N, C-alpha and C. Protein backbone atom coordinates (compact mmCIF):
# COMPACT_ATOMS: atom_id res chain seq x y z
N MET A 1 -24.26 3.45 11.87
CA MET A 1 -23.03 3.46 12.65
C MET A 1 -22.13 2.28 12.26
N THR A 2 -22.75 1.12 12.02
CA THR A 2 -21.98 -0.06 11.66
C THR A 2 -21.24 0.14 10.34
N PHE A 3 -21.91 0.76 9.36
CA PHE A 3 -21.26 0.99 8.07
C PHE A 3 -20.12 1.99 8.21
N ARG A 4 -20.30 2.98 9.06
CA ARG A 4 -19.23 3.97 9.28
C ARG A 4 -18.01 3.30 9.90
N ILE A 5 -18.21 2.44 10.88
CA ILE A 5 -17.11 1.72 11.51
C ILE A 5 -16.43 0.80 10.50
N ALA A 6 -17.23 0.12 9.69
CA ALA A 6 -16.67 -0.76 8.66
C ALA A 6 -15.86 0.04 7.65
N ALA A 7 -16.36 1.22 7.25
CA ALA A 7 -15.63 2.06 6.31
C ALA A 7 -14.31 2.53 6.91
N ASP A 8 -14.33 2.96 8.18
CA ASP A 8 -13.10 3.39 8.84
C ASP A 8 -12.11 2.24 8.96
N ALA A 9 -12.61 1.06 9.29
CA ALA A 9 -11.74 -0.11 9.38
C ALA A 9 -11.13 -0.45 8.03
N LEU A 10 -11.92 -0.31 6.98
CA LEU A 10 -11.41 -0.58 5.63
C LEU A 10 -10.34 0.43 5.23
N VAL A 11 -10.52 1.69 5.63
CA VAL A 11 -9.51 2.71 5.35
C VAL A 11 -8.21 2.35 6.08
N LEU A 12 -8.30 1.91 7.32
CA LEU A 12 -7.10 1.52 8.07
C LEU A 12 -6.42 0.31 7.41
N PHE A 13 -7.23 -0.65 6.95
CA PHE A 13 -6.67 -1.79 6.24
C PHE A 13 -5.99 -1.34 4.94
N HIS A 14 -6.64 -0.43 4.23
CA HIS A 14 -6.10 0.09 2.98
C HIS A 14 -4.75 0.77 3.23
N LEU A 15 -4.69 1.60 4.26
CA LEU A 15 -3.43 2.25 4.61
C LEU A 15 -2.37 1.22 4.97
N SER A 16 -2.74 0.20 5.72
CA SER A 16 -1.80 -0.86 6.07
C SER A 16 -1.28 -1.56 4.83
N PHE A 17 -2.17 -1.81 3.88
CA PHE A 17 -1.77 -2.45 2.63
C PHE A 17 -0.77 -1.57 1.87
N ILE A 18 -1.06 -0.27 1.80
CA ILE A 18 -0.15 0.66 1.12
C ILE A 18 1.22 0.65 1.80
N LEU A 19 1.25 0.69 3.11
CA LEU A 19 2.53 0.65 3.83
C LEU A 19 3.25 -0.67 3.59
N PHE A 20 2.49 -1.76 3.52
CA PHE A 20 3.09 -3.06 3.22
C PHE A 20 3.67 -3.09 1.81
N VAL A 21 2.97 -2.49 0.86
CA VAL A 21 3.46 -2.41 -0.51
C VAL A 21 4.80 -1.67 -0.56
N VAL A 22 4.87 -0.55 0.13
CA VAL A 22 6.05 0.29 0.06
C VAL A 22 7.19 -0.26 0.92
N PHE A 23 6.89 -0.67 2.13
CA PHE A 23 7.95 -1.03 3.08
C PHE A 23 7.97 -2.50 3.48
N GLY A 24 7.10 -3.31 2.89
CA GLY A 24 7.03 -4.71 3.26
C GLY A 24 8.30 -5.49 3.00
N GLY A 25 9.11 -5.02 2.06
CA GLY A 25 10.39 -5.68 1.81
C GLY A 25 11.27 -5.69 3.05
N LEU A 26 11.13 -4.69 3.89
CA LEU A 26 11.89 -4.66 5.14
C LEU A 26 11.47 -5.81 6.06
N LEU A 27 10.20 -6.18 6.03
CA LEU A 27 9.75 -7.34 6.80
C LEU A 27 10.30 -8.63 6.21
N VAL A 28 10.48 -8.65 4.90
CA VAL A 28 11.01 -9.85 4.24
C VAL A 28 12.45 -10.12 4.68
N ILE A 29 13.19 -9.07 5.02
CA ILE A 29 14.54 -9.27 5.53
C ILE A 29 14.50 -10.15 6.77
N ARG A 30 13.53 -9.89 7.63
CA ARG A 30 13.41 -10.65 8.89
C ARG A 30 12.69 -11.97 8.69
N TRP A 31 11.63 -11.95 7.87
CA TRP A 31 10.81 -13.14 7.64
C TRP A 31 10.74 -13.40 6.13
N PRO A 32 11.72 -14.13 5.58
CA PRO A 32 11.81 -14.32 4.13
C PRO A 32 10.56 -14.92 3.48
N ALA A 33 9.80 -15.72 4.18
CA ALA A 33 8.60 -16.33 3.58
C ALA A 33 7.55 -15.28 3.21
N LEU A 34 7.62 -14.10 3.80
CA LEU A 34 6.67 -13.03 3.48
C LEU A 34 6.82 -12.53 2.04
N LYS A 35 7.92 -12.89 1.39
CA LYS A 35 8.10 -12.42 0.01
C LYS A 35 6.99 -12.90 -0.90
N TRP A 36 6.38 -14.04 -0.56
CA TRP A 36 5.31 -14.58 -1.39
C TRP A 36 4.02 -13.77 -1.24
N LEU A 37 3.91 -12.99 -0.20
CA LEU A 37 2.80 -12.05 -0.05
C LEU A 37 3.20 -10.66 -0.55
N HIS A 38 4.44 -10.29 -0.23
CA HIS A 38 4.87 -8.93 -0.54
C HIS A 38 5.07 -8.68 -2.03
N LEU A 39 5.71 -9.58 -2.73
CA LEU A 39 5.98 -9.35 -4.15
C LEU A 39 4.70 -9.14 -4.96
N PRO A 40 3.66 -9.97 -4.81
CA PRO A 40 2.42 -9.69 -5.54
C PRO A 40 1.77 -8.37 -5.10
N ALA A 41 1.85 -8.06 -3.81
CA ALA A 41 1.27 -6.80 -3.32
C ALA A 41 2.02 -5.61 -3.92
N ALA A 42 3.34 -5.68 -3.95
CA ALA A 42 4.13 -4.58 -4.52
C ALA A 42 3.86 -4.43 -6.02
N LEU A 43 3.75 -5.54 -6.72
CA LEU A 43 3.42 -5.48 -8.15
C LEU A 43 2.04 -4.87 -8.37
N TRP A 44 1.08 -5.25 -7.54
CA TRP A 44 -0.27 -4.69 -7.65
C TRP A 44 -0.22 -3.18 -7.38
N GLY A 45 0.48 -2.76 -6.34
CA GLY A 45 0.58 -1.34 -6.01
C GLY A 45 1.18 -0.54 -7.15
N ALA A 46 2.25 -1.06 -7.74
CA ALA A 46 2.87 -0.36 -8.87
C ALA A 46 1.93 -0.34 -10.08
N LEU A 47 1.25 -1.45 -10.34
CA LEU A 47 0.32 -1.52 -11.47
C LEU A 47 -0.83 -0.52 -11.31
N VAL A 48 -1.37 -0.43 -10.12
CA VAL A 48 -2.47 0.51 -9.87
C VAL A 48 -2.02 1.93 -10.18
N GLU A 49 -0.82 2.29 -9.75
CA GLU A 49 -0.33 3.64 -10.00
C GLU A 49 0.01 3.86 -11.47
N LEU A 50 0.70 2.90 -12.09
CA LEU A 50 1.12 3.05 -13.48
C LEU A 50 -0.06 3.07 -14.45
N ALA A 51 -1.05 2.22 -14.19
CA ALA A 51 -2.19 2.12 -15.10
C ALA A 51 -3.30 3.10 -14.75
N GLY A 52 -3.15 3.80 -13.64
CA GLY A 52 -4.19 4.75 -13.25
C GLY A 52 -5.48 4.08 -12.83
N LEU A 53 -5.35 2.86 -12.30
CA LEU A 53 -6.53 2.11 -11.88
C LEU A 53 -7.00 2.57 -10.50
N ASP A 54 -8.28 2.39 -10.24
CA ASP A 54 -8.79 2.60 -8.90
C ASP A 54 -8.67 1.29 -8.15
N CYS A 55 -8.12 1.36 -6.96
CA CYS A 55 -8.04 0.16 -6.12
C CYS A 55 -9.46 -0.24 -5.74
N PRO A 56 -9.79 -1.52 -5.79
CA PRO A 56 -11.14 -1.95 -5.40
C PRO A 56 -11.50 -1.54 -3.97
N LEU A 57 -10.52 -1.44 -3.10
CA LEU A 57 -10.81 -1.04 -1.73
C LEU A 57 -11.42 0.36 -1.68
N THR A 58 -10.99 1.23 -2.57
CA THR A 58 -11.53 2.59 -2.62
C THR A 58 -13.02 2.56 -2.90
N ARG A 59 -13.42 1.74 -3.84
CA ARG A 59 -14.84 1.62 -4.19
C ARG A 59 -15.64 1.15 -2.99
N TYR A 60 -15.12 0.14 -2.29
CA TYR A 60 -15.84 -0.38 -1.13
C TYR A 60 -15.88 0.62 0.02
N GLU A 61 -14.80 1.38 0.20
CA GLU A 61 -14.80 2.42 1.22
C GLU A 61 -15.93 3.41 0.97
N ASN A 62 -16.03 3.87 -0.27
CA ASN A 62 -17.06 4.84 -0.60
C ASN A 62 -18.46 4.25 -0.52
N LEU A 63 -18.63 3.01 -0.94
CA LEU A 63 -19.95 2.36 -0.82
C LEU A 63 -20.38 2.27 0.64
N LEU A 64 -19.45 1.92 1.51
CA LEU A 64 -19.78 1.83 2.93
C LEU A 64 -20.13 3.20 3.50
N ARG A 65 -19.42 4.23 3.06
CA ARG A 65 -19.72 5.59 3.54
C ARG A 65 -21.11 6.04 3.09
N VAL A 66 -21.46 5.73 1.85
CA VAL A 66 -22.80 6.07 1.36
C VAL A 66 -23.86 5.30 2.15
N ARG A 67 -23.61 4.00 2.40
CA ARG A 67 -24.55 3.20 3.18
C ARG A 67 -24.69 3.74 4.60
N ALA A 68 -23.63 4.40 5.10
CA ALA A 68 -23.67 4.99 6.43
C ALA A 68 -24.38 6.33 6.42
N GLY A 69 -24.81 6.77 5.24
CA GLY A 69 -25.51 8.04 5.13
C GLY A 69 -24.60 9.21 4.80
N GLY A 70 -23.34 8.93 4.50
CA GLY A 70 -22.40 9.98 4.15
C GLY A 70 -22.28 10.14 2.65
N ALA A 71 -21.36 10.98 2.25
CA ALA A 71 -21.16 11.24 0.83
C ALA A 71 -19.72 10.95 0.45
N GLY A 72 -19.14 9.97 1.05
CA GLY A 72 -17.74 9.68 0.77
C GLY A 72 -16.89 10.11 1.94
N TYR A 73 -15.76 10.67 1.66
CA TYR A 73 -14.81 11.00 2.70
C TYR A 73 -15.18 12.30 3.39
N GLY A 74 -15.82 12.15 4.56
CA GLY A 74 -16.25 13.30 5.35
C GLY A 74 -15.29 13.59 6.48
N GLY A 75 -15.86 13.84 7.66
CA GLY A 75 -15.06 14.23 8.82
C GLY A 75 -14.60 13.04 9.64
N GLY A 76 -14.02 13.33 10.77
CA GLY A 76 -13.51 12.30 11.66
C GLY A 76 -12.01 12.14 11.53
N PHE A 77 -11.40 11.55 12.54
CA PHE A 77 -9.95 11.38 12.56
C PHE A 77 -9.45 10.58 11.38
N VAL A 78 -10.04 9.42 11.17
CA VAL A 78 -9.58 8.56 10.08
C VAL A 78 -9.70 9.28 8.75
N ASP A 79 -10.84 9.91 8.54
CA ASP A 79 -11.06 10.62 7.28
C ASP A 79 -10.09 11.78 7.11
N HIS A 80 -9.95 12.55 8.14
CA HIS A 80 -9.17 13.78 8.04
C HIS A 80 -7.68 13.50 7.83
N TYR A 81 -7.13 12.55 8.58
CA TYR A 81 -5.69 12.33 8.52
C TYR A 81 -5.26 11.23 7.57
N ILE A 82 -5.92 10.10 7.64
CA ILE A 82 -5.46 8.95 6.85
C ILE A 82 -5.93 9.04 5.41
N VAL A 83 -7.20 9.32 5.20
CA VAL A 83 -7.73 9.35 3.84
C VAL A 83 -7.05 10.45 3.02
N ARG A 84 -6.86 11.62 3.60
CA ARG A 84 -6.20 12.70 2.86
C ARG A 84 -4.76 12.35 2.50
N ALA A 85 -4.10 11.58 3.34
CA ALA A 85 -2.73 11.16 3.02
C ALA A 85 -2.74 10.17 1.85
N MET A 86 -3.78 9.33 1.79
CA MET A 86 -3.87 8.33 0.73
C MET A 86 -4.35 8.94 -0.58
N TYR A 87 -5.20 9.96 -0.51
CA TYR A 87 -5.79 10.57 -1.70
C TYR A 87 -5.62 12.09 -1.64
N PRO A 88 -4.40 12.58 -1.80
CA PRO A 88 -4.18 14.03 -1.66
C PRO A 88 -4.83 14.83 -2.79
N GLU A 89 -5.13 16.08 -2.49
CA GLU A 89 -5.64 17.00 -3.51
C GLU A 89 -4.57 17.19 -4.57
N GLY A 90 -4.97 17.32 -5.80
CA GLY A 90 -4.02 17.60 -6.88
C GLY A 90 -3.19 16.41 -7.32
N LEU A 91 -3.65 15.20 -7.02
CA LEU A 91 -2.92 14.01 -7.44
C LEU A 91 -2.99 13.91 -8.96
N THR A 92 -1.83 13.97 -9.61
CA THR A 92 -1.76 13.95 -11.07
C THR A 92 -1.17 12.62 -11.55
N ARG A 93 -1.25 12.37 -12.85
CA ARG A 93 -0.64 11.16 -13.42
C ARG A 93 0.86 11.18 -13.19
N GLY A 94 1.48 12.35 -13.28
CA GLY A 94 2.92 12.44 -13.03
C GLY A 94 3.27 12.02 -11.62
N ILE A 95 2.47 12.43 -10.66
CA ILE A 95 2.71 12.03 -9.28
C ILE A 95 2.48 10.53 -9.12
N GLU A 96 1.46 10.00 -9.79
CA GLU A 96 1.21 8.56 -9.72
C GLU A 96 2.39 7.78 -10.31
N TYR A 97 2.95 8.27 -11.42
CA TYR A 97 4.15 7.62 -11.98
C TYR A 97 5.31 7.68 -11.00
N ALA A 98 5.48 8.81 -10.34
CA ALA A 98 6.56 8.96 -9.37
C ALA A 98 6.35 8.01 -8.19
N LEU A 99 5.10 7.87 -7.75
CA LEU A 99 4.82 6.93 -6.66
C LEU A 99 5.13 5.50 -7.07
N ALA A 100 4.75 5.14 -8.28
CA ALA A 100 5.05 3.79 -8.78
C ALA A 100 6.56 3.58 -8.85
N ALA A 101 7.29 4.58 -9.33
CA ALA A 101 8.75 4.48 -9.41
C ALA A 101 9.35 4.33 -8.02
N PHE A 102 8.80 5.06 -7.05
CA PHE A 102 9.27 4.95 -5.68
C PHE A 102 9.07 3.55 -5.14
N VAL A 103 7.87 2.99 -5.36
CA VAL A 103 7.58 1.62 -4.89
C VAL A 103 8.53 0.63 -5.52
N VAL A 104 8.71 0.72 -6.82
CA VAL A 104 9.60 -0.22 -7.52
C VAL A 104 11.05 -0.03 -7.06
N THR A 105 11.50 1.20 -6.93
CA THR A 105 12.89 1.46 -6.55
C THR A 105 13.20 0.98 -5.14
N ILE A 106 12.36 1.37 -4.17
CA ILE A 106 12.65 0.98 -2.79
C ILE A 106 12.62 -0.53 -2.64
N ASN A 107 11.68 -1.20 -3.30
CA ASN A 107 11.60 -2.65 -3.18
C ASN A 107 12.71 -3.34 -3.94
N THR A 108 13.14 -2.79 -5.06
CA THR A 108 14.29 -3.36 -5.77
C THR A 108 15.53 -3.28 -4.90
N VAL A 109 15.76 -2.15 -4.27
CA VAL A 109 16.92 -1.99 -3.38
C VAL A 109 16.86 -3.01 -2.24
N ILE A 110 15.70 -3.16 -1.64
CA ILE A 110 15.56 -4.09 -0.52
C ILE A 110 15.80 -5.53 -0.97
N TYR A 111 15.22 -5.91 -2.11
CA TYR A 111 15.40 -7.29 -2.57
C TYR A 111 16.82 -7.55 -3.07
N VAL A 112 17.49 -6.57 -3.62
CA VAL A 112 18.92 -6.73 -3.97
C VAL A 112 19.72 -6.94 -2.69
N TYR A 113 19.41 -6.18 -1.66
CA TYR A 113 20.09 -6.36 -0.37
C TYR A 113 19.86 -7.77 0.18
N ILE A 114 18.61 -8.23 0.12
CA ILE A 114 18.29 -9.57 0.63
C ILE A 114 19.07 -10.62 -0.16
N ARG A 115 19.09 -10.49 -1.47
CA ARG A 115 19.80 -11.45 -2.30
C ARG A 115 21.30 -11.42 -2.02
N HIS A 116 21.85 -10.22 -1.89
CA HIS A 116 23.28 -10.07 -1.60
C HIS A 116 23.62 -10.67 -0.23
N THR A 117 22.78 -10.44 0.76
CA THR A 117 23.00 -10.98 2.10
C THR A 117 22.93 -12.50 2.08
N ALA A 118 21.97 -13.05 1.37
CA ALA A 118 21.83 -14.50 1.28
C ALA A 118 23.04 -15.11 0.57
N ALA A 119 23.51 -14.45 -0.49
CA ALA A 119 24.68 -14.95 -1.22
C ALA A 119 25.92 -14.89 -0.33
N SER A 120 26.05 -13.83 0.44
CA SER A 120 27.19 -13.70 1.35
C SER A 120 27.18 -14.80 2.39
N ARG A 121 26.01 -15.12 2.91
CA ARG A 121 25.91 -16.20 3.90
C ARG A 121 26.30 -17.53 3.30
N LEU A 122 25.90 -17.78 2.07
CA LEU A 122 26.27 -19.04 1.40
C LEU A 122 27.77 -19.11 1.19
N ASN A 123 28.37 -18.00 0.80
CA ASN A 123 29.81 -17.96 0.57
C ASN A 123 30.60 -18.10 1.86
N ASP A 124 30.04 -17.63 2.96
CA ASP A 124 30.71 -17.72 4.26
C ASP A 124 30.47 -19.07 4.94
N GLY A 125 29.58 -19.87 4.36
CA GLY A 125 29.29 -21.19 4.90
C GLY A 125 28.36 -21.19 6.10
N ARG A 126 27.59 -20.11 6.26
CA ARG A 126 26.65 -20.03 7.40
C ARG A 126 25.40 -20.77 7.11
């Protein structure tokens, strides 16, 4: 039971990390110091998709599930809804490239906005 709970918790952390990679730039607008966490995370997320790497968290999730007596991603709320969203059926290299492009594009737009806003404040004397 403990390994199953740990695996579910790791999946939730993994999902949180993915959301931070994609949308963390929005948090940087409010808390600029977060850029030192977000930029490396976003680069890692894009690298994993572009290079076709397995995230280490995936390996640990599966190890915990096996230790819990399972065979990987089985049943339950976390497995059914969150894991399937993170690892959809039919995930191809083309889709992984598109995901990487999405991560890079959305974060580039956000960071250009942040830079533009900061420059505007300097020019306005704020």
